[in-house]
Amino acid sequence: MARGIAGKNNWALFLLILTGIVLGGFIGNLTAGVSGLSWLNYGQTFGLTSPIIFDIGIMVITFGLSIRITIASIIGVLLAILIYRLI
């Protein structure tokens, strides 16, 4: 198993960051309608606007990716890194 410089597991950091992104996005969506907390849902979406479709006769393959970064997801990532450093 790959270990970081301080002997911590890099997979744990990766999973904590993913958790921070998901929970931050969820909290951002929940607070979108609240007048004092709607700034948490402010963000930018980037990626493919329409999916790429490969039709090869017997099979159709569709690729698409869209990422939304919000203030709440950035806060979630920062909290995940802080928790990782404290563990």
N, C-alpha and C. Protein backbone atom coordinates (compact mmCIF):
# COMPACT_ATOMS: atom_id res chain seq x y z
N MET A 1 0.82 -1.17 0.00
CA MET A 1 0.00 0.00 0.00
C MET A 1 0.87 1.24 0.00
N ALA A 2 0.52 2.23 -0.81
CA ALA A 2 1.32 3.45 -0.88
C ALA A 2 1.06 4.31 0.35
N ARG A 3 2.13 4.77 0.93
CA ARG A 3 2.03 5.63 2.10
C ARG A 3 2.63 6.99 1.76
N GLY A 4 2.07 8.05 2.37
CA GLY A 4 2.58 9.39 2.15
C GLY A 4 3.84 9.63 2.95
N ILE A 5 4.31 10.86 2.92
CA ILE A 5 5.54 11.21 3.61
C ILE A 5 5.40 11.01 5.12
N ALA A 6 4.27 11.38 5.65
CA ALA A 6 4.07 11.26 7.10
C ALA A 6 3.59 9.87 7.50
N GLY A 7 3.52 8.91 6.56
CA GLY A 7 3.08 7.56 6.87
C GLY A 7 1.57 7.39 6.84
N LYS A 8 0.86 8.37 6.30
CA LYS A 8 -0.59 8.28 6.22
C LYS A 8 -0.99 7.68 4.88
N ASN A 9 -2.14 7.08 4.84
CA ASN A 9 -2.64 6.43 3.65
C ASN A 9 -3.22 7.49 2.70
N ASN A 10 -2.73 7.52 1.46
CA ASN A 10 -3.21 8.49 0.48
C ASN A 10 -4.64 8.19 0.03
N TRP A 11 -5.06 6.92 0.09
CA TRP A 11 -6.44 6.58 -0.25
C TRP A 11 -7.42 7.18 0.74
N ALA A 12 -7.02 7.28 2.00
CA ALA A 12 -7.89 7.89 3.00
C ALA A 12 -8.12 9.36 2.67
N LEU A 13 -7.06 10.06 2.25
CA LEU A 13 -7.21 11.46 1.85
C LEU A 13 -8.11 11.58 0.64
N PHE A 14 -7.93 10.71 -0.35
CA PHE A 14 -8.76 10.73 -1.54
C PHE A 14 -10.23 10.53 -1.20
N LEU A 15 -10.52 9.54 -0.35
CA LEU A 15 -11.91 9.28 0.04
C LEU A 15 -12.49 10.42 0.87
N LEU A 16 -11.68 11.02 1.73
CA LEU A 16 -12.17 12.17 2.50
C LEU A 16 -12.48 13.36 1.60
N ILE A 17 -11.65 13.59 0.60
CA ILE A 17 -11.91 14.70 -0.33
C ILE A 17 -13.17 14.44 -1.14
N LEU A 18 -13.37 13.21 -1.61
CA LEU A 18 -14.60 12.88 -2.33
C LEU A 18 -15.83 13.06 -1.44
N THR A 19 -15.70 12.64 -0.19
CA THR A 19 -16.80 12.83 0.76
C THR A 19 -17.09 14.30 0.98
N GLY A 20 -16.04 15.11 1.09
CA GLY A 20 -16.22 16.55 1.25
C GLY A 20 -16.91 17.19 0.06
N ILE A 21 -16.56 16.74 -1.15
CA ILE A 21 -17.19 17.28 -2.35
C ILE A 21 -18.67 16.92 -2.39
N VAL A 22 -18.97 15.65 -2.10
CA VAL A 22 -20.37 15.20 -2.17
C VAL A 22 -21.22 15.88 -1.09
N LEU A 23 -20.72 15.88 0.15
CA LEU A 23 -21.49 16.52 1.23
C LEU A 23 -21.60 18.02 1.03
N GLY A 24 -20.54 18.65 0.53
CA GLY A 24 -20.60 20.09 0.26
C GLY A 24 -21.62 20.40 -0.82
N GLY A 25 -21.64 19.62 -1.89
CA GLY A 25 -22.64 19.82 -2.93
C GLY A 25 -24.06 19.59 -2.43
N PHE A 26 -24.22 18.58 -1.58
CA PHE A 26 -25.54 18.31 -1.00
C PHE A 26 -25.99 19.47 -0.11
N ILE A 27 -25.11 19.97 0.72
CA ILE A 27 -25.45 21.11 1.59
C ILE A 27 -25.72 22.35 0.76
N GLY A 28 -24.95 22.55 -0.32
CA GLY A 28 -25.19 23.68 -1.20
C GLY A 28 -26.57 23.62 -1.84
N ASN A 29 -27.00 22.44 -2.27
CA ASN A 29 -28.34 22.29 -2.85
C ASN A 29 -29.42 22.51 -1.81
N LEU A 30 -29.19 22.05 -0.59
CA LEU A 30 -30.18 22.25 0.47
C LEU A 30 -30.36 23.72 0.83
N THR A 31 -29.27 24.48 0.79
CA THR A 31 -29.34 25.88 1.21
C THR A 31 -29.62 26.84 0.06
N ALA A 32 -29.90 26.33 -1.13
CA ALA A 32 -30.15 27.19 -2.28
C ALA A 32 -31.37 28.08 -2.08
N GLY A 33 -32.38 27.59 -1.39
CA GLY A 33 -33.59 28.37 -1.18
C GLY A 33 -33.60 29.22 0.07
N VAL A 34 -32.61 29.08 0.92
CA VAL A 34 -32.54 29.85 2.17
C VAL A 34 -31.86 31.18 1.86
N SER A 35 -32.52 32.28 2.23
CA SER A 35 -32.02 33.60 1.83
C SER A 35 -30.65 33.92 2.41
N GLY A 36 -30.36 33.56 3.64
CA GLY A 36 -29.08 33.89 4.25
C GLY A 36 -27.95 32.95 3.86
N LEU A 37 -28.29 31.77 3.35
CA LEU A 37 -27.26 30.77 3.04
C LEU A 37 -27.19 30.42 1.55
N SER A 38 -27.89 31.15 0.71
CA SER A 38 -27.91 30.81 -0.71
C SER A 38 -26.55 31.00 -1.37
N TRP A 39 -25.67 31.77 -0.77
CA TRP A 39 -24.33 31.97 -1.32
C TRP A 39 -23.50 30.68 -1.32
N LEU A 40 -23.88 29.70 -0.50
CA LEU A 40 -23.16 28.43 -0.48
C LEU A 40 -23.35 27.64 -1.78
N ASN A 41 -24.44 27.90 -2.49
CA ASN A 41 -24.72 27.19 -3.74
C ASN A 41 -24.16 27.91 -4.96
N TYR A 42 -23.48 29.04 -4.75
CA TYR A 42 -22.88 29.76 -5.86
C TYR A 42 -21.69 28.99 -6.40
N GLY A 43 -21.63 28.83 -7.71
CA GLY A 43 -20.52 28.08 -8.28
C GLY A 43 -20.52 28.10 -9.78
N GLN A 44 -19.67 27.29 -10.34
CA GLN A 44 -19.49 27.22 -11.78
C GLN A 44 -19.60 25.76 -12.24
N THR A 45 -20.25 25.55 -13.38
CA THR A 45 -20.36 24.23 -13.98
C THR A 45 -19.52 24.21 -15.24
N PHE A 46 -18.72 23.16 -15.40
CA PHE A 46 -17.96 23.01 -16.63
C PHE A 46 -17.93 21.55 -17.03
N GLY A 47 -17.62 21.32 -18.28
CA GLY A 47 -17.59 19.96 -18.82
C GLY A 47 -18.21 19.94 -20.20
N LEU A 48 -18.68 18.79 -20.61
CA LEU A 48 -19.32 18.64 -21.91
C LEU A 48 -20.77 19.07 -21.81
N THR A 49 -21.19 20.00 -22.68
CA THR A 49 -22.59 20.44 -22.64
C THR A 49 -23.52 19.42 -23.26
N SER A 50 -23.04 18.69 -24.25
CA SER A 50 -23.83 17.61 -24.82
C SER A 50 -22.93 16.37 -24.88
N PRO A 51 -23.49 15.21 -24.63
CA PRO A 51 -22.65 14.01 -24.59
C PRO A 51 -22.09 13.63 -25.97
N ILE A 52 -20.96 12.95 -25.95
CA ILE A 52 -20.35 12.42 -27.17
C ILE A 52 -20.90 11.02 -27.39
N ILE A 53 -21.44 10.77 -28.58
CA ILE A 53 -22.08 9.49 -28.88
C ILE A 53 -21.31 8.78 -29.99
N PHE A 54 -20.89 7.54 -29.71
CA PHE A 54 -20.23 6.69 -30.69
C PHE A 54 -21.21 5.58 -31.07
N ASP A 55 -21.65 5.59 -32.32
CA ASP A 55 -22.55 4.55 -32.82
C ASP A 55 -21.73 3.66 -33.76
N ILE A 56 -21.42 2.44 -33.29
CA ILE A 56 -20.59 1.54 -34.10
C ILE A 56 -21.39 0.36 -34.67
N GLY A 57 -22.64 0.59 -34.90
CA GLY A 57 -23.47 -0.43 -35.54
C GLY A 57 -24.18 -1.32 -34.55
N ILE A 58 -23.45 -2.18 -33.86
CA ILE A 58 -24.09 -3.10 -32.93
C ILE A 58 -24.13 -2.56 -31.50
N MET A 59 -23.44 -1.44 -31.28
CA MET A 59 -23.37 -0.89 -29.93
C MET A 59 -23.28 0.64 -30.01
N VAL A 60 -23.92 1.30 -29.07
CA VAL A 60 -23.86 2.75 -28.97
C VAL A 60 -23.21 3.09 -27.63
N ILE A 61 -22.14 3.88 -27.67
CA ILE A 61 -21.43 4.28 -26.46
C ILE A 61 -21.59 5.79 -26.29
N THR A 62 -22.00 6.21 -25.11
CA THR A 62 -22.23 7.62 -24.83
C THR A 62 -21.30 8.07 -23.71
N PHE A 63 -20.55 9.14 -23.95
CA PHE A 63 -19.67 9.72 -22.94
C PHE A 63 -20.15 11.12 -22.60
N GLY A 64 -20.17 11.43 -21.31
CA GLY A 64 -20.53 12.77 -20.88
C GLY A 64 -19.96 13.05 -19.51
N LEU A 65 -19.57 14.29 -19.26
CA LEU A 65 -19.01 14.68 -17.97
C LEU A 65 -19.35 16.13 -17.70
N SER A 66 -19.89 16.39 -16.53
CA SER A 66 -20.19 17.74 -16.11
C SER A 66 -19.85 17.85 -14.62
N ILE A 67 -19.10 18.87 -14.27
CA ILE A 67 -18.66 19.06 -12.89
C ILE A 67 -19.13 20.42 -12.41
N ARG A 68 -19.73 20.46 -11.24
CA ARG A 68 -20.17 21.73 -10.63
C ARG A 68 -19.39 21.94 -9.36
N ILE A 69 -18.66 23.03 -9.31
CA ILE A 69 -17.90 23.41 -8.13
C ILE A 69 -18.62 24.56 -7.46
N THR A 70 -19.00 24.37 -6.19
CA THR A 70 -19.69 25.40 -5.43
C THR A 70 -18.85 25.81 -4.22
N ILE A 71 -19.26 26.89 -3.60
CA ILE A 71 -18.59 27.35 -2.39
C ILE A 71 -18.68 26.27 -1.30
N ALA A 72 -19.83 25.64 -1.18
CA ALA A 72 -20.01 24.60 -0.16
C ALA A 72 -19.10 23.40 -0.42
N SER A 73 -18.89 23.02 -1.68
CA SER A 73 -18.00 21.89 -1.96
C SER A 73 -16.54 22.25 -1.69
N ILE A 74 -16.16 23.50 -1.93
CA ILE A 74 -14.80 23.94 -1.59
C ILE A 74 -14.59 23.90 -0.08
N ILE A 75 -15.59 24.35 0.68
CA ILE A 75 -15.50 24.28 2.14
C ILE A 75 -15.43 22.83 2.58
N GLY A 76 -16.18 21.94 1.94
CA GLY A 76 -16.13 20.51 2.26
C GLY A 76 -14.76 19.91 2.01
N VAL A 77 -14.11 20.30 0.92
CA VAL A 77 -12.76 19.80 0.62
C VAL A 77 -11.77 20.30 1.66
N LEU A 78 -11.86 21.59 2.02
CA LEU A 78 -10.96 22.14 3.03
C LEU A 78 -11.14 21.46 4.38
N LEU A 79 -12.38 21.17 4.75
CA LEU A 79 -12.63 20.46 6.00
C LEU A 79 -12.10 19.03 5.94
N ALA A 80 -12.20 18.38 4.80
CA ALA A 80 -11.68 17.02 4.63
C ALA A 80 -10.17 17.00 4.79
N ILE A 81 -9.48 17.97 4.22
CA ILE A 81 -8.02 18.04 4.36
C ILE A 81 -7.64 18.33 5.80
N LEU A 82 -8.40 19.19 6.47
CA LEU A 82 -8.13 19.49 7.88
C LEU A 82 -8.33 18.25 8.74
N ILE A 83 -9.40 17.49 8.49
CA ILE A 83 -9.63 16.26 9.25
C ILE A 83 -8.51 15.25 9.00
N TYR A 84 -8.06 15.17 7.75
CA TYR A 84 -6.97 14.23 7.42
C TYR A 84 -5.69 14.59 8.16
N ARG A 85 -5.41 15.87 8.26
CA ARG A 85 -4.19 16.29 8.97
C ARG A 85 -4.29 16.05 10.47
N LEU A 86 -5.51 16.10 11.02
CA LEU A 86 -5.70 15.90 12.46
C LEU A 86 -5.66 14.43 12.84
N ILE A 87 -5.98 13.55 11.90
CA ILE A 87 -6.01 12.11 12.21
C ILE A 87 -4.62 11.57 12.35
